[in-house]
Amino acid sequence: MRSMLVRGLVLTPLFLAIACGQAVPAPTESPVPTIGPGGHPGWPPLADGGELLPIPVTSELVVGSNRFLLNLVDADNNPLAAPDRAVTLNFYALEVDPATPAQTVEATYLPTIPQLPGLYRAQVDFDRAGTWGIEAEATEADGRVRTGRMVFSVRQEGSTPLVGSEARSSQTPTGESAEQIALISTDDDPNAAFYRLSVDQALQQDQPFLLVFATPAFCRTATCGPALDIVKEVAPAFHDVAVIHVEPYELEQVDGHLQPVLREGQLVLVPAVVEWGLLTEPMIFAVDADGIVRTKLEGVASADEIRSAMEGIAP
């Protein structure tokens, strides 16, 4: 597996295969997209390696609809993502037609956390597994266009539930009192409503819910706390949608403070992380009253995205 350092923003997959011997059912392909700046027959790298480098940072790209997250850097690894830099993405199914884009989309700038560079996001549909190419075109304020290419892979299916598939039933921790919640959440200002219902209970009650996997205190991506804070800001407007916050790692009280459980030097994943097939955190799923996953948001997500996800499952 890979880790991508983006000027202080670390996007790191969970190491499912080594955490306490627990792993998602292993697919036949690598769970993380294989990426590289090299060429492909009929689709060479741009001259001189291109003027920028588009780096996919989504943990799994699969056949169907994908929320595609992209880092954009120059040749010296300086981040280029900016709200005033328009970016067009051309996607090529390289094993089918390396000369004609299968899809062209306009990317949207996505802030991450203060003082750190942003990313770009786009909704992309892949119609086949295999080797794909992305060509990014960034338009500067003076009208100049800079381009760059990257090769990556798309899998037939992933480990997390597909949008449109059934949610996975999990017994997630619940608590009523502040003392109980303090044992299951590292949020320093928790919303008590986020811990009243477990995933399996919500599914049994036909209750639409937003499931948030995040650990503000021990996040490997630095975005868990901000992601949960955005959910806390948006959620009060949706009284009929439950929010379920789940810490991805087993926790224990040590000298009055929550600490992650370590086993052979590794963080231990909670069962729900394994059952939902997470490769990274934070991760948000919107599940409707019929138990169907309607939205999946990996990593940082904007308030508008979370609001749209909740609107999509609200009764």
C-alpha atoms as a PDB file:
ATOM      1  CA  MET A   1       0.000   0.000   0.000  1.00  0.00           C
ATOM      2  CA  ARG A   2       1.043   3.585  -0.514  1.00  0.00           C
ATOM      3  CA  SER A   3       0.974   6.797   1.474  1.00  0.00           C
ATOM      4  CA  MET A   4       0.778  10.150  -0.266  1.00  0.00           C
ATOM      5  CA  LEU A   5       2.367  13.134   1.480  1.00  0.00           C
ATOM      6  CA  VAL A   6       0.793  16.373   0.307  1.00  0.00           C
ATOM      7  CA  ARG A   7       2.781  19.099   2.023  1.00  0.00           C
ATOM      8  CA  GLY A   8       1.750  17.969   5.485  1.00  0.00           C
ATOM      9  CA  LEU A   9      -1.561  16.362   4.506  1.00  0.00           C
ATOM     10  CA  VAL A  10      -1.083  12.613   4.779  1.00  0.00           C
ATOM     11  CA  LEU A  11      -3.560  10.355   3.010  1.00  0.00           C
ATOM     12  CA  THR A  12      -2.788   6.911   4.378  1.00  0.00           C
ATOM     13  CA  PRO A  13      -4.713   3.665   3.839  1.00  0.00           C
ATOM     14  CA  LEU A  14      -5.593   1.558   6.849  1.00  0.00           C
ATOM     15  CA  PHE A  15      -3.381  -1.512   6.981  1.00  0.00           C
ATOM     16  CA  LEU A  16      -6.168  -4.068   7.116  1.00  0.00           C
ATOM     17  CA  ALA A  17      -3.999  -7.079   6.466  1.00  0.00           C
ATOM     18  CA  ILE A  18      -1.832  -6.633   9.533  1.00  0.00           C
ATOM     19  CA  ALA A  19      -4.124  -5.156  12.156  1.00  0.00           C
ATOM     20  CA  CYS A  20      -4.831  -7.903  14.638  1.00  0.00           C
ATOM     21  CA  GLY A  21      -5.007 -10.428  11.837  1.00  0.00           C
ATOM     22  CA  GLN A  22      -8.284  -8.868  10.702  1.00  0.00           C
ATOM     23  CA  ALA A  23      -8.748  -8.139   7.029  1.00  0.00           C
ATOM     24  CA  VAL A  24     -11.513  -7.561   4.577  1.00  0.00           C
ATOM     25  CA  PRO A  25     -12.163 -10.469   2.198  1.00  0.00           C
ATOM     26  CA  ALA A  26      -9.146 -10.133  -0.068  1.00  0.00           C
ATOM     27  CA  PRO A  27      -9.924  -9.198  -3.672  1.00  0.00           C
ATOM     28  CA  THR A  28      -7.763 -10.642  -6.393  1.00  0.00           C
ATOM     29  CA  GLU A  29      -6.405  -7.209  -7.263  1.00  0.00           C
ATOM     30  CA  SER A  30      -4.485  -4.681  -5.199  1.00  0.00           C
ATOM     31  CA  PRO A  31      -6.920  -2.774  -2.936  1.00  0.00           C
ATOM     32  CA  VAL A  32      -5.246   0.537  -3.748  1.00  0.00           C
ATOM     33  CA  PRO A  33      -5.059   1.932  -7.281  1.00  0.00           C
ATOM     34  CA  THR A  34      -1.687   1.362  -8.930  1.00  0.00           C
ATOM     35  CA  ILE A  35      -0.491   4.719 -10.208  1.00  0.00           C
ATOM     36  CA  GLY A  36       2.497   5.949 -12.146  1.00  0.00           C
ATOM     37  CA  PRO A  37       3.521   8.767 -14.472  1.00  0.00           C
ATOM     38  CA  GLY A  38       4.747   6.409 -17.176  1.00  0.00           C
ATOM     39  CA  GLY A  39       3.213   5.996 -20.587  1.00  0.00           C
ATOM     40  CA  HIS A  40       1.069   3.286 -22.136  1.00  0.00           C
ATOM     41  CA  PRO A  41       1.077   1.930 -25.707  1.00  0.00           C
ATOM     42  CA  GLY A  42      -0.512   4.630 -27.848  1.00  0.00           C
ATOM     43  CA  TRP A  43      -0.673   7.041 -24.897  1.00  0.00           C
ATOM     44  CA  PRO A  44       2.815   8.315 -24.095  1.00  0.00           C
ATOM     45  CA  PRO A  45       3.650  10.753 -21.328  1.00  0.00           C
ATOM     46  CA  LEU A  46       3.559  14.374 -22.413  1.00  0.00           C
ATOM     47  CA  ALA A  47       6.736  15.878 -23.775  1.00  0.00           C
ATOM     48  CA  ASP A  48       9.306  16.597 -21.060  1.00  0.00           C
ATOM     49  CA  GLY A  49       7.117  14.741 -18.555  1.00  0.00           C
ATOM     50  CA  GLY A  50       4.385  17.365 -18.657  1.00  0.00           C
ATOM     51  CA  GLU A  51       4.066  20.586 -16.681  1.00  0.00           C
ATOM     52  CA  LEU A  52       2.190  19.175 -13.723  1.00  0.00           C
ATOM     53  CA  LEU A  53       1.392  15.831 -12.112  1.00  0.00           C
ATOM     54  CA  PRO A  54      -2.197  14.706 -11.392  1.00  0.00           C
ATOM     55  CA  ILE A  55      -2.153  12.153  -8.555  1.00  0.00           C
ATOM     56  CA  PRO A  56      -5.306  10.157  -7.722  1.00  0.00           C
ATOM     57  CA  VAL A  57      -5.664   9.845  -3.936  1.00  0.00           C
ATOM     58  CA  THR A  58      -8.936   7.888  -3.726  1.00  0.00           C
ATOM     59  CA  SER A  59      -8.233   4.572  -1.994  1.00  0.00           C
ATOM     60  CA  GLU A  60     -10.262   2.449  -4.407  1.00  0.00           C
ATOM     61  CA  LEU A  61     -11.504   3.172  -7.903  1.00  0.00           C
ATOM     62  CA  VAL A  62     -14.030   0.695  -9.250  1.00  0.00           C
ATOM     63  CA  VAL A  63     -16.364   0.087 -12.165  1.00  0.00           C
ATOM     64  CA  GLY A  64     -19.329   2.427 -11.774  1.00  0.00           C
ATOM     65  CA  SER A  65     -19.661   5.865 -10.243  1.00  0.00           C
ATOM     66  CA  ASN A  66     -16.705   7.156  -8.218  1.00  0.00           C
ATOM     67  CA  ARG A  67     -16.000  10.304  -6.227  1.00  0.00           C
ATOM     68  CA  PHE A  68     -12.542  10.929  -7.629  1.00  0.00           C
ATOM     69  CA  LEU A  69     -10.096  12.878  -5.428  1.00  0.00           C
ATOM     70  CA  LEU A  70      -7.011  14.317  -7.069  1.00  0.00           C
ATOM     71  CA  ASN A  71      -3.847  16.010  -5.868  1.00  0.00           C
ATOM     72  CA  LEU A  72      -2.139  18.340  -8.314  1.00  0.00           C
ATOM     73  CA  VAL A  73       1.579  19.174  -8.010  1.00  0.00           C
ATOM     74  CA  ASP A  74       4.300  20.608 -10.190  1.00  0.00           C
ATOM     75  CA  ALA A  75       7.623  18.982 -11.044  1.00  0.00           C
ATOM     76  CA  ASP A  76       9.069  20.085  -7.698  1.00  0.00           C
ATOM     77  CA  ASN A  77       6.142  18.612  -5.727  1.00  0.00           C
ATOM     78  CA  ASN A  78       4.677  22.039  -4.990  1.00  0.00           C
ATOM     79  CA  PRO A  79       0.897  21.872  -4.571  1.00  0.00           C
ATOM     80  CA  LEU A  80      -1.104  23.569  -7.291  1.00  0.00           C
ATOM     81  CA  ALA A  81      -4.715  23.129  -6.145  1.00  0.00           C
ATOM     82  CA  ALA A  82      -6.378  26.520  -5.743  1.00  0.00           C
ATOM     83  CA  PRO A  83      -9.963  27.805  -5.883  1.00  0.00           C
ATOM     84  CA  ASP A  84      -9.090  30.125  -8.780  1.00  0.00           C
ATOM     85  CA  ARG A  85      -7.285  27.480 -10.871  1.00  0.00           C
ATOM     86  CA  ALA A  86      -9.772  25.743 -13.178  1.00  0.00           C
ATOM     87  CA  VAL A  87      -8.964  22.116 -13.934  1.00  0.00           C
ATOM     88  CA  THR A  88     -10.394  19.875 -16.643  1.00  0.00           C
ATOM     89  CA  LEU A  89      -9.884  16.108 -16.379  1.00  0.00           C
ATOM     90  CA  ASN A  90      -9.800  13.803 -19.405  1.00  0.00           C
ATOM     91  CA  PHE A  91     -10.112  10.087 -18.642  1.00  0.00           C
ATOM     92  CA  TYR A  92      -8.863   7.487 -21.127  1.00  0.00           C
ATOM     93  CA  ALA A  93      -9.700   3.772 -21.155  1.00  0.00           C
ATOM     94  CA  LEU A  94      -6.186   2.964 -22.341  1.00  0.00           C
ATOM     95  CA  GLU A  95      -6.838  -0.659 -23.246  1.00  0.00           C
ATOM     96  CA  VAL A  96      -9.747   0.379 -25.480  1.00  0.00           C
ATOM     97  CA  ASP A  97      -8.922   3.741 -27.055  1.00  0.00           C
ATOM     98  CA  PRO A  98      -5.834   5.636 -25.885  1.00  0.00           C
ATOM     99  CA  ALA A  99      -6.472   8.417 -28.398  1.00  0.00           C
ATOM    100  CA  THR A 100      -9.966   9.564 -27.358  1.00  0.00           C
ATOM    101  CA  PRO A 101     -11.121  10.471 -23.839  1.00  0.00           C
ATOM    102  CA  ALA A 102     -13.877   8.210 -22.557  1.00  0.00           C
ATOM    103  CA  GLN A 103     -15.036  11.025 -20.304  1.00  0.00           C
ATOM    104  CA  THR A 104     -14.210  14.673 -19.705  1.00  0.00           C
ATOM    105  CA  VAL A 105     -15.242  16.426 -16.489  1.00  0.00           C
ATOM    106  CA  GLU A 106     -14.617  19.753 -14.811  1.00  0.00           C
ATOM    107  CA  ALA A 107     -12.990  19.280 -11.413  1.00  0.00           C
ATOM    108  CA  THR A 108     -14.129  21.158  -8.309  1.00  0.00           C
ATOM    109  CA  TYR A 109     -11.651  22.627  -5.852  1.00  0.00           C
ATOM    110  CA  LEU A 110     -11.976  21.004  -2.421  1.00  0.00           C
ATOM    111  CA  PRO A 111     -10.433  22.695   0.642  1.00  0.00           C
ATOM    112  CA  THR A 112      -8.891  20.292   3.137  1.00  0.00           C
ATOM    113  CA  ILE A 113      -7.920  21.833   6.467  1.00  0.00           C
ATOM    114  CA  PRO A 114      -6.593  25.342   7.254  1.00  0.00           C
ATOM    115  CA  GLN A 115      -3.006  26.077   6.231  1.00  0.00           C
ATOM    116  CA  LEU A 116      -2.818  22.916   4.121  1.00  0.00           C
ATOM    117  CA  PRO A 117      -3.278  22.595   0.350  1.00  0.00           C
ATOM    118  CA  GLY A 118      -6.562  21.552  -1.138  1.00  0.00           C
ATOM    119  CA  LEU A 119      -7.507  18.818  -3.583  1.00  0.00           C
ATOM    120  CA  TYR A 120      -9.784  18.535  -6.594  1.00  0.00           C
ATOM    121  CA  ARG A 121     -12.828  16.291  -6.780  1.00  0.00           C
ATOM    122  CA  ALA A 122     -14.951  15.019  -9.625  1.00  0.00           C
ATOM    123  CA  GLN A 123     -17.684  12.441 -10.127  1.00  0.00           C
ATOM    124  CA  VAL A 124     -16.432   9.925 -12.661  1.00  0.00           C
ATOM    125  CA  ASP A 125     -18.030   6.818 -14.190  1.00  0.00           C
ATOM    126  CA  PHE A 126     -15.749   3.973 -15.199  1.00  0.00           C
ATOM    127  CA  ASP A 127     -17.346   1.405 -17.513  1.00  0.00           C
ATOM    128  CA  ARG A 128     -14.608  -1.205 -17.314  1.00  0.00           C
ATOM    129  CA  ALA A 129     -11.811  -2.465 -15.073  1.00  0.00           C
ATOM    130  CA  GLY A 130      -8.217  -2.170 -16.183  1.00  0.00           C
ATOM    131  CA  THR A 131      -5.654   0.503 -16.955  1.00  0.00           C
ATOM    132  CA  TRP A 132      -6.848   4.073 -17.269  1.00  0.00           C
ATOM    133  CA  GLY A 133      -5.108   7.353 -17.918  1.00  0.00           C
ATOM    134  CA  ILE A 134      -5.904  10.787 -16.576  1.00  0.00           C
ATOM    135  CA  GLU A 135      -4.886  13.971 -18.329  1.00  0.00           C
ATOM    136  CA  ALA A 136      -5.277  17.153 -16.290  1.00  0.00           C
ATOM    137  CA  GLU A 137      -5.486  20.576 -17.906  1.00  0.00           C
ATOM    138  CA  ALA A 138      -5.037  23.477 -15.482  1.00  0.00           C
ATOM    139  CA  THR A 139      -5.946  26.944 -16.737  1.00  0.00           C
ATOM    140  CA  GLU A 140      -3.942  29.802 -15.238  1.00  0.00           C
ATOM    141  CA  ALA A 141      -5.199  33.329 -14.619  1.00  0.00           C
ATOM    142  CA  ASP A 142      -3.398  34.544 -17.745  1.00  0.00           C
ATOM    143  CA  GLY A 143      -5.130  31.911 -19.880  1.00  0.00           C
ATOM    144  CA  ARG A 144      -2.103  29.637 -20.163  1.00  0.00           C
ATOM    145  CA  VAL A 145      -2.946  25.921 -19.908  1.00  0.00           C
ATOM    146  CA  ARG A 146      -0.619  23.490 -18.161  1.00  0.00           C
ATOM    147  CA  THR A 147      -1.073  19.762 -18.637  1.00  0.00           C
ATOM    148  CA  GLY A 148       0.026  16.492 -17.060  1.00  0.00           C
ATOM    149  CA  ARG A 149      -0.742  12.791 -17.265  1.00  0.00           C
ATOM    150  CA  MET A 150      -0.885   9.815 -14.938  1.00  0.00           C
ATOM    151  CA  VAL A 151      -1.720   6.129 -15.402  1.00  0.00           C
ATOM    152  CA  PHE A 152      -3.852   4.346 -12.783  1.00  0.00           C
ATOM    153  CA  SER A 153      -5.944   1.206 -12.413  1.00  0.00           C
ATOM    154  CA  VAL A 154      -9.653   0.611 -11.941  1.00  0.00           C
ATOM    155  CA  ARG A 155     -10.911  -2.574 -10.275  1.00  0.00           C
ATOM    156  CA  GLN A 156     -14.053  -4.519 -11.024  1.00  0.00           C
ATOM    157  CA  GLU A 157     -15.224  -4.092  -7.442  1.00  0.00           C
ATOM    158  CA  GLY A 158     -13.919  -2.763  -4.162  1.00  0.00           C
ATOM    159  CA  SER A 159     -13.984  -3.719  -0.518  1.00  0.00           C
ATOM    160  CA  THR A 160     -16.369  -0.967   0.640  1.00  0.00           C
ATOM    161  CA  PRO A 161     -20.077  -1.091  -0.265  1.00  0.00           C
ATOM    162  CA  LEU A 162     -20.901   0.286  -3.692  1.00  0.00           C
ATOM    163  CA  VAL A 163     -23.336   3.152  -3.987  1.00  0.00           C
ATOM    164  CA  GLY A 164     -26.676   1.463  -4.625  1.00  0.00           C
ATOM    165  CA  SER A 165     -25.779  -1.688  -2.672  1.00  0.00           C
ATOM    166  CA  GLU A 166     -27.067  -2.890   0.678  1.00  0.00           C
ATOM    167  CA  ALA A 167     -25.467  -1.481   3.807  1.00  0.00           C
ATOM    168  CA  ARG A 168     -23.594  -3.913   6.019  1.00  0.00           C
ATOM    169  CA  SER A 169     -25.056  -4.612   9.440  1.00  0.00           C
ATOM    170  CA  SER A 170     -22.616  -3.919  12.263  1.00  0.00           C
ATOM    171  CA  GLN A 171     -22.921  -3.678  16.014  1.00  0.00           C
ATOM    172  CA  THR A 172     -21.333  -0.309  16.690  1.00  0.00           C
ATOM    173  CA  PRO A 173     -20.745   1.174  20.172  1.00  0.00           C
ATOM    174  CA  THR A 174     -23.492   3.246  21.763  1.00  0.00           C
ATOM    175  CA  GLY A 175     -23.690   5.423  24.848  1.00  0.00           C
ATOM    176  CA  GLU A 176     -26.259   7.586  26.598  1.00  0.00           C
ATOM    177  CA  SER A 177     -24.391   9.459  29.306  1.00  0.00           C
ATOM    178  CA  ALA A 178     -21.383  11.715  28.918  1.00  0.00           C
ATOM    179  CA  GLU A 179     -19.339   9.151  30.834  1.00  0.00           C
ATOM    180  CA  GLN A 180     -20.347   6.363  28.440  1.00  0.00           C
ATOM    181  CA  ILE A 181     -19.657   8.461  25.352  1.00  0.00           C
ATOM    182  CA  ALA A 182     -16.228   9.409  26.715  1.00  0.00           C
ATOM    183  CA  LEU A 183     -15.322   5.721  26.561  1.00  0.00           C
ATOM    184  CA  ILE A 184     -16.141   5.357  22.862  1.00  0.00           C
ATOM    185  CA  SER A 185     -15.326   8.714  21.258  1.00  0.00           C
ATOM    186  CA  THR A 186     -12.180  10.825  21.040  1.00  0.00           C
ATOM    187  CA  ASP A 187     -14.185  13.891  20.004  1.00  0.00           C
ATOM    188  CA  ASP A 188     -13.529  16.574  22.613  1.00  0.00           C
ATOM    189  CA  ASP A 189     -17.001  18.052  22.062  1.00  0.00           C
ATOM    190  CA  PRO A 190     -19.217  15.119  21.075  1.00  0.00           C
ATOM    191  CA  ASN A 191     -22.812  15.377  19.940  1.00  0.00           C
ATOM    192  CA  ALA A 192     -24.563  12.858  22.201  1.00  0.00           C
ATOM    193  CA  ALA A 193     -27.118  12.042  19.487  1.00  0.00           C
ATOM    194  CA  PHE A 194     -24.354  10.490  17.378  1.00  0.00           C
ATOM    195  CA  TYR A 195     -23.946   7.604  19.861  1.00  0.00           C
ATOM    196  CA  ARG A 196     -27.535   6.615  20.663  1.00  0.00           C
ATOM    197  CA  LEU A 197     -28.025   4.202  17.788  1.00  0.00           C
ATOM    198  CA  SER A 198     -25.892   1.413  16.361  1.00  0.00           C
ATOM    199  CA  VAL A 199     -25.781   0.533  12.675  1.00  0.00           C
ATOM    200  CA  ASP A 200     -27.649  -2.755  13.124  1.00  0.00           C
ATOM    201  CA  GLN A 201     -30.360  -1.013  15.140  1.00  0.00           C
ATOM    202  CA  ALA A 202     -30.793   1.666  12.486  1.00  0.00           C
ATOM    203  CA  LEU A 203     -31.177  -0.971   9.787  1.00  0.00           C
ATOM    204  CA  GLN A 204     -33.695  -2.928  11.861  1.00  0.00           C
ATOM    205  CA  GLN A 205     -35.726   0.241  12.469  1.00  0.00           C
ATOM    206  CA  ASP A 206     -35.649   1.402   8.814  1.00  0.00           C
ATOM    207  CA  GLN A 207     -33.932   4.535  10.046  1.00  0.00           C
ATOM    208  CA  PRO A 208     -31.948   6.532   7.458  1.00  0.00           C
ATOM    209  CA  PHE A 209     -28.512   7.365   8.802  1.00  0.00           C
ATOM    210  CA  LEU A 210     -25.175   8.955   8.092  1.00  0.00           C
ATOM    211  CA  LEU A 211     -22.336   6.666   9.182  1.00  0.00           C
ATOM    212  CA  VAL A 212     -19.111   8.503   9.993  1.00  0.00           C
ATOM    213  CA  PHE A 213     -15.891   6.549  10.494  1.00  0.00           C
ATOM    214  CA  ALA A 214     -13.426   9.013  12.021  1.00  0.00           C
ATOM    215  CA  THR A 215     -11.055   9.379  14.952  1.00  0.00           C
ATOM    216  CA  PRO A 216     -10.348  13.019  15.812  1.00  0.00           C
ATOM    217  CA  ALA A 217      -7.518  12.121  18.203  1.00  0.00           C
ATOM    218  CA  PHE A 218      -5.665   9.423  16.269  1.00  0.00           C
ATOM    219  CA  CYS A 219      -6.466  10.138  12.634  1.00  0.00           C
ATOM    220  CA  ARG A 220      -3.784   9.155  10.127  1.00  0.00           C
ATOM    221  CA  THR A 221      -4.953  11.715   7.564  1.00  0.00           C
ATOM    222  CA  ALA A 222      -5.351  14.848   9.752  1.00  0.00           C
ATOM    223  CA  THR A 223      -8.853  15.271   8.341  1.00  0.00           C
ATOM    224  CA  CYS A 224     -10.999  13.184  10.727  1.00  0.00           C
ATOM    225  CA  GLY A 225     -11.635  15.964  13.229  1.00  0.00           C
ATOM    226  CA  PRO A 226     -12.554  18.509  10.560  1.00  0.00           C
ATOM    227  CA  ALA A 227     -14.786  15.948   8.809  1.00  0.00           C
ATOM    228  CA  LEU A 228     -16.680  15.216  12.011  1.00  0.00           C
ATOM    229  CA  ASP A 229     -16.949  18.930  12.799  1.00  0.00           C
ATOM    230  CA  ILE A 230     -18.585  19.568   9.425  1.00  0.00           C
ATOM    231  CA  VAL A 231     -21.081  16.768  10.074  1.00  0.00           C
ATOM    232  CA  LYS A 232     -21.885  18.347  13.446  1.00  0.00           C
ATOM    233  CA  GLU A 233     -22.570  21.651  11.719  1.00  0.00           C
ATOM    234  CA  VAL A 234     -24.832  20.183   9.039  1.00  0.00           C
ATOM    235  CA  ALA A 235     -26.701  17.477  10.984  1.00  0.00           C
ATOM    236  CA  PRO A 236     -29.039  19.680  13.113  1.00  0.00           C
ATOM    237  CA  ALA A 237     -31.022  20.606   9.986  1.00  0.00           C
ATOM    238  CA  PHE A 238     -31.925  16.924   9.414  1.00  0.00           C
ATOM    239  CA  HIS A 239     -33.972  15.779  12.384  1.00  0.00           C
ATOM    240  CA  ASP A 240     -35.152  12.574  10.668  1.00  0.00           C
ATOM    241  CA  VAL A 241     -31.675  11.367   9.730  1.00  0.00           C
ATOM    242  CA  ALA A 242     -29.588   9.686  12.418  1.00  0.00           C
ATOM    243  CA  VAL A 243     -25.838  10.208  12.596  1.00  0.00           C
ATOM    244  CA  ILE A 244     -23.669   7.348  13.817  1.00  0.00           C
ATOM    245  CA  HIS A 245     -20.051   8.134  14.670  1.00  0.00           C
ATOM    246  CA  VAL A 246     -17.679   5.171  14.898  1.00  0.00           C
ATOM    247  CA  GLU A 247     -14.041   5.311  15.971  1.00  0.00           C
ATOM    248  CA  PRO A 248     -12.099   3.005  13.619  1.00  0.00           C
ATOM    249  CA  TYR A 249      -9.621   1.774  16.246  1.00  0.00           C
ATOM    250  CA  GLU A 250     -10.156  -0.088  19.487  1.00  0.00           C
ATOM    251  CA  LEU A 251      -9.736   2.254  22.454  1.00  0.00           C
ATOM    252  CA  GLU A 252      -9.020   1.888  26.141  1.00  0.00           C
ATOM    253  CA  GLN A 253      -8.830   4.223  29.126  1.00  0.00           C
ATOM    254  CA  VAL A 254      -5.254   4.847  30.299  1.00  0.00           C
ATOM    255  CA  ASP A 255      -4.771   7.215  33.228  1.00  0.00           C
ATOM    256  CA  GLY A 256      -8.147   8.777  32.527  1.00  0.00           C
ATOM    257  CA  HIS A 257      -7.513   9.290  28.823  1.00  0.00           C
ATOM    258  CA  LEU A 258      -8.574   7.287  25.779  1.00  0.00           C
ATOM    259  CA  GLN A 259      -5.688   5.596  24.023  1.00  0.00           C
ATOM    260  CA  PRO A 260      -5.639   3.232  21.036  1.00  0.00           C
ATOM    261  CA  VAL A 261      -5.137  -0.434  21.791  1.00  0.00           C
ATOM    262  CA  LEU A 262      -1.905  -1.743  20.285  1.00  0.00           C
ATOM    263  CA  ARG A 263      -1.263  -5.345  19.409  1.00  0.00           C
ATOM    264  CA  GLU A 264       2.226  -6.256  18.256  1.00  0.00           C
ATOM    265  CA  GLY A 265       2.781  -2.549  17.754  1.00  0.00           C
ATOM    266  CA  GLN A 266      -0.230  -2.141  15.472  1.00  0.00           C
ATOM    267  CA  LEU A 267      -3.496  -0.288  15.899  1.00  0.00           C
ATOM    268  CA  VAL A 268      -6.425  -2.686  16.236  1.00  0.00           C
ATOM    269  CA  LEU A 269      -9.403  -2.141  13.964  1.00  0.00           C
ATOM    270  CA  VAL A 270     -12.923  -2.325  15.349  1.00  0.00           C
ATOM    271  CA  PRO A 271     -15.126  -4.993  13.717  1.00  0.00           C
ATOM    272  CA  ALA A 272     -17.241  -2.452  11.818  1.00  0.00           C
ATOM    273  CA  VAL A 273     -14.168  -1.195   9.927  1.00  0.00           C
ATOM    274  CA  VAL A 274     -13.473  -4.728   8.735  1.00  0.00           C
ATOM    275  CA  GLU A 275     -17.128  -5.399   7.938  1.00  0.00           C
ATOM    276  CA  TRP A 276     -17.411  -2.217   5.867  1.00  0.00           C
ATOM    277  CA  GLY A 277     -14.074  -2.873   4.154  1.00  0.00           C
ATOM    278  CA  LEU A 278     -12.450   0.475   4.901  1.00  0.00           C
ATOM    279  CA  LEU A 279      -9.055   1.202   3.382  1.00  0.00           C
ATOM    280  CA  THR A 280      -8.742   4.701   4.778  1.00  0.00           C
ATOM    281  CA  GLU A 281     -10.313   7.192   7.149  1.00  0.00           C
ATOM    282  CA  PRO A 282     -12.335   9.338   7.490  1.00  0.00           C
ATOM    283  CA  MET A 283     -15.134   7.696   5.513  1.00  0.00           C
ATOM    284  CA  ILE A 284     -18.812   8.667   5.407  1.00  0.00           C
ATOM    285  CA  PHE A 285     -21.750   6.621   4.128  1.00  0.00           C
ATOM    286  CA  ALA A 286     -25.328   7.850   3.688  1.00  0.00           C
ATOM    287  CA  VAL A 287     -27.829   4.994   4.031  1.00  0.00           C
ATOM    288  CA  ASP A 288     -31.542   5.362   3.286  1.00  0.00           C
ATOM    289  CA  ALA A 289     -34.558   3.853   5.068  1.00  0.00           C
ATOM    290  CA  ASP A 290     -34.367   0.767   2.839  1.00  0.00           C
ATOM    291  CA  GLY A 291     -30.806   0.080   3.972  1.00  0.00           C
ATOM    292  CA  ILE A 292     -29.252   1.113   0.637  1.00  0.00           C
ATOM    293  CA  VAL A 293     -26.011   3.089   0.452  1.00  0.00           C
ATOM    294  CA  ARG A 294     -26.799   6.283  -1.463  1.00  0.00           C
ATOM    295  CA  THR A 295     -23.588   8.277  -0.992  1.00  0.00           C
ATOM    296  CA  LYS A 296     -19.988   7.423  -0.116  1.00  0.00           C
ATOM    297  CA  LEU A 297     -17.520  10.166   0.807  1.00  0.00           C
ATOM    298  CA  GLU A 298     -13.880   9.340   1.381  1.00  0.00           C
ATOM    299  CA  GLY A 299     -11.459  11.694   3.081  1.00  0.00           C
ATOM    300  CA  VAL A 300     -12.285  15.333   3.433  1.00  0.00           C
ATOM    301  CA  ALA A 301     -15.799  16.324   2.338  1.00  0.00           C
ATOM    302  CA  SER A 302     -17.360  19.749   2.013  1.00  0.00           C
ATOM    303  CA  ALA A 303     -20.422  20.891   3.935  1.00  0.00           C
ATOM    304  CA  ASP A 304     -22.333  20.993   0.637  1.00  0.00           C
ATOM    305  CA  GLU A 305     -21.455  17.359  -0.079  1.00  0.00           C
ATOM    306  CA  ILE A 306     -22.553  16.227   3.371  1.00  0.00           C
ATOM    307  CA  ARG A 307     -25.729  18.289   3.152  1.00  0.00           C
ATOM    308  CA  SER A 308     -26.532  16.782  -0.252  1.00  0.00           C
ATOM    309  CA  ALA A 309     -25.875  13.280   1.119  1.00  0.00           C
ATOM    310  CA  MET A 310     -28.312  13.843   3.987  1.00  0.00           C
ATOM    311  CA  GLU A 311     -30.925  15.386   1.693  1.00  0.00           C
ATOM    312  CA  GLY A 312     -30.688  12.277  -0.456  1.00  0.00           C
ATOM    313  CA  ILE A 313     -31.770   9.981   2.395  1.00  0.00           C
ATOM    314  CA  ALA A 314     -34.080  12.258   4.376  1.00  0.00           C
ATOM    315  CA  PRO A 315     -37.700  10.990   4.484  1.00  0.00           C
END
